[in-house]
């Protein structure tokens, strides 16, 4: 299965939020291009409209809007995305990724085009709360056997301490 880290830039308050997207929601993003509008339901933000602004692949190469397709190419770049020339007029060949999302993309950058009545913070917190109880249940079941083993030891230690105090008092 494909999994993406989606960075959502909230244009109202200037904050960015990172959301992990997997499963069928991630599969629905494959084939989308930079500049496409996406419904926020795919990123657990119902009511929001988001625009894809870029991303990076598994090796860290950035996506470019003007390069069609899903492939990685080596382009002769001057000062632009993917290369920042230190000298005036300098050009060099750099690897960049095409503008279409595929399985090799790891991070997708998006910005909010249409806001919902609920804030992104609230929606993401409710999503985290739904996921936490599942993790807690698994951790509690693992801790219970250990606690049972430790409890008798603690009781034995308490008995020994009480006996030692009684001997000291006598």
Protein backbone atom coordinates (compact mmCIF):
# COMPACT_ATOMS: atom_id res chain seq x y z
CA UNK A 1 0.00 0.00 0.00
CA UNK A 2 1.04 3.56 -0.68
CA UNK A 3 1.47 6.03 2.15
CA UNK A 4 2.06 9.78 1.88
CA UNK A 5 2.99 12.52 4.30
CA UNK A 6 0.81 15.45 3.32
CA UNK A 7 1.85 18.93 4.47
CA UNK A 8 -1.19 21.22 4.48
CA UNK A 9 -0.50 24.96 4.57
CA UNK A 10 -3.36 26.91 6.17
CA UNK A 11 -3.39 30.25 4.37
CA UNK A 12 -5.59 31.96 6.99
CA UNK A 13 -3.27 31.70 9.98
CA UNK A 14 0.01 30.73 8.28
CA UNK A 15 0.37 27.35 9.99
CA UNK A 16 1.38 24.09 8.37
CA UNK A 17 0.05 20.70 9.45
CA UNK A 18 1.46 17.28 8.61
CA UNK A 19 -1.02 14.48 8.01
CA UNK A 20 -0.22 10.82 7.27
CA UNK A 21 -2.43 9.46 4.49
CA UNK A 22 -2.65 5.76 3.68
CA UNK A 23 -4.97 3.14 2.26
CA UNK A 24 -7.63 3.97 -0.30
CA UNK A 25 -7.32 7.71 0.40
CA UNK A 26 -3.67 7.61 -0.70
CA UNK A 27 -4.57 5.61 -3.80
CA UNK A 28 -7.07 8.31 -4.79
CA UNK A 29 -4.23 10.88 -4.89
CA UNK A 30 -2.18 8.87 -7.39
CA UNK A 31 -2.40 10.40 -10.85
CA UNK A 32 -3.17 13.93 -9.61
CA UNK A 33 -0.96 16.75 -10.86
CA UNK A 34 0.46 19.91 -9.32
CA UNK A 35 -2.24 22.57 -9.48
CA UNK A 36 -5.17 20.11 -9.19
CA UNK A 37 -7.80 20.72 -6.52
CA UNK A 38 -8.48 17.85 -4.14
CA UNK A 39 -11.35 17.35 -1.71
CA UNK A 40 -10.18 17.47 1.91
CA UNK A 41 -11.97 14.23 2.80
CA UNK A 42 -8.99 12.33 1.33
CA UNK A 43 -6.75 13.90 3.98
CA UNK A 44 -9.20 13.66 6.91
CA UNK A 45 -10.25 17.31 6.49
CA UNK A 46 -13.91 17.19 5.40
CA UNK A 47 -15.29 20.45 4.03
CA UNK A 48 -11.90 21.73 2.86
CA UNK A 49 -10.72 22.16 -0.72
CA UNK A 50 -6.96 21.80 -1.18
CA UNK A 51 -4.59 22.56 -4.07
CA UNK A 52 -1.50 20.44 -4.72
CA UNK A 53 1.54 22.73 -4.80
CA UNK A 54 4.41 20.23 -4.99
CA UNK A 55 6.17 17.39 -3.25
CA UNK A 56 9.26 15.22 -3.07
CA UNK A 57 10.03 11.65 -4.00
CA UNK A 58 11.64 8.89 -1.92
CA UNK A 59 15.14 10.19 -2.69
CA UNK A 60 14.34 13.83 -1.92
CA UNK A 61 14.04 15.17 -5.46
CA UNK A 62 11.43 17.90 -5.78
CA UNK A 63 8.49 17.92 -8.17
CA UNK A 64 8.28 20.59 -10.87
CA UNK A 65 5.05 21.91 -12.31
CA UNK A 66 6.49 22.42 -15.81
CA UNK A 67 7.78 18.83 -16.21
CA UNK A 68 4.95 16.53 -17.36
CA UNK A 69 4.71 12.91 -16.26
CA UNK A 70 5.81 10.81 -13.33
CA UNK A 71 9.45 10.27 -14.22
CA UNK A 72 12.66 11.75 -12.84
CA UNK A 73 14.72 13.72 -15.36
CA UNK A 74 17.98 15.61 -15.37
CA UNK A 75 17.35 19.14 -16.54
CA UNK A 76 19.68 22.06 -17.21
CA UNK A 77 18.51 24.54 -14.57
CA UNK A 78 19.28 28.13 -13.80
CA UNK A 79 17.80 29.90 -10.76
CA UNK A 80 14.47 28.11 -10.19
CA UNK A 81 12.86 25.33 -8.18
CA UNK A 82 15.36 22.55 -7.63
CA UNK A 83 18.44 24.79 -8.00
CA UNK A 84 19.51 28.13 -6.56
CA UNK A 85 22.52 29.53 -8.41
CA UNK A 86 25.15 31.28 -6.30
CA UNK A 87 26.65 33.06 -9.29
CA UNK A 88 24.76 35.09 -11.85
CA UNK A 89 24.04 33.13 -15.03
CA UNK A 90 25.27 29.79 -13.70
CA UNK A 91 23.43 26.72 -14.96
CA UNK A 92 23.80 23.08 -14.00
CA UNK A 93 22.10 19.74 -14.58
CA UNK A 94 19.92 18.62 -11.69
CA UNK A 95 17.52 15.72 -11.21
CA UNK A 96 13.89 16.69 -10.69
CA UNK A 97 10.60 14.78 -10.57
CA UNK A 98 7.63 15.27 -12.92
CA UNK A 99 4.38 16.96 -11.90
CA UNK A 100 2.24 13.82 -11.46
CA UNK A 101 1.91 11.93 -8.16
CA UNK A 102 2.86 8.24 -8.22
CA UNK A 103 4.02 5.53 -5.78
CA UNK A 104 7.55 6.97 -5.52
CA UNK A 105 6.33 10.26 -4.03
CA UNK A 106 6.69 10.43 -0.23
CA UNK A 107 5.66 13.99 0.62
CA UNK A 108 2.89 16.04 -0.95
CA UNK A 109 2.56 19.78 -0.30
CA UNK A 110 -0.91 21.33 -0.38
CA UNK A 111 -2.49 24.67 0.41
CA UNK A 112 -6.04 25.40 1.53
CA UNK A 113 -8.25 26.94 -1.18
CA UNK A 114 -11.61 26.74 0.63
CA UNK A 115 -12.00 26.65 4.41
CA UNK A 116 -14.57 24.73 6.43
CA UNK A 117 -16.47 25.79 9.55
CA UNK A 118 -14.17 23.64 11.74
CA UNK A 119 -10.50 24.49 12.08
CA UNK A 120 -7.79 22.10 10.90
CA UNK A 121 -6.43 21.82 14.45
CA UNK A 122 -9.79 20.57 15.76
CA UNK A 123 -10.23 18.05 12.94
CA UNK A 124 -6.72 16.64 13.37
CA UNK A 125 -7.07 16.41 17.18
CA UNK A 126 -10.28 14.40 16.87
CA UNK A 127 -8.54 12.12 14.39
CA UNK A 128 -5.63 11.57 16.84
CA UNK A 129 -8.07 10.81 19.68
CA UNK A 130 -9.74 8.12 17.56
CA UNK A 131 -6.37 6.48 16.85
CA UNK A 132 -5.00 6.67 20.43
CA UNK A 133 -7.45 4.25 22.13
CA UNK A 134 -6.44 1.49 19.71
CA UNK A 135 -2.79 1.98 20.62
CA UNK A 136 -3.59 2.19 24.34
CA UNK A 137 -5.53 -1.09 24.27
CA UNK A 138 -2.59 -2.92 22.77
CA UNK A 139 -0.14 -1.36 25.22
CA UNK A 140 -2.42 -2.12 28.21
CA UNK A 141 -2.67 -5.79 27.29
CA UNK A 142 1.08 -5.95 27.07
CA UNK A 143 1.53 -4.18 30.42
CA UNK A 144 -0.99 -6.25 32.39
CA UNK A 145 1.03 -9.48 32.48
CA UNK A 146 4.13 -7.53 33.53
CA UNK A 147 2.21 -5.75 36.28
CA UNK A 148 0.90 -9.05 37.62
CA UNK A 149 4.43 -10.41 37.78
CA UNK A 150 5.72 -7.29 39.53
CA UNK A 151 2.88 -7.01 42.07
CA UNK A 152 3.72 -10.18 44.02
CA UNK A 153 7.34 -9.06 44.23
CA UNK A 154 6.26 -5.72 45.64
CA UNK A 155 4.06 -7.41 48.23
CA UNK A 156 6.91 -9.72 49.26
CA UNK A 157 9.23 -6.75 49.58
CA UNK A 158 6.67 -4.93 51.75
CA UNK A 159 6.37 -7.99 54.02
CA UNK A 160 10.15 -8.21 54.34
CA UNK A 161 10.38 -4.51 55.20
CA UNK A 162 7.66 -4.87 57.84
CA UNK A 163 9.44 -7.87 59.38
CA UNK A 164 12.74 -5.94 59.44
CA UNK A 165 11.05 -2.98 61.19
CA UNK A 166 9.53 -5.32 63.80
CA UNK A 167 12.92 -6.88 64.48
CA UNK A 168 14.52 -3.44 64.85
CA UNK A 169 11.77 -2.33 67.26
CA UNK A 170 12.34 -5.41 69.49
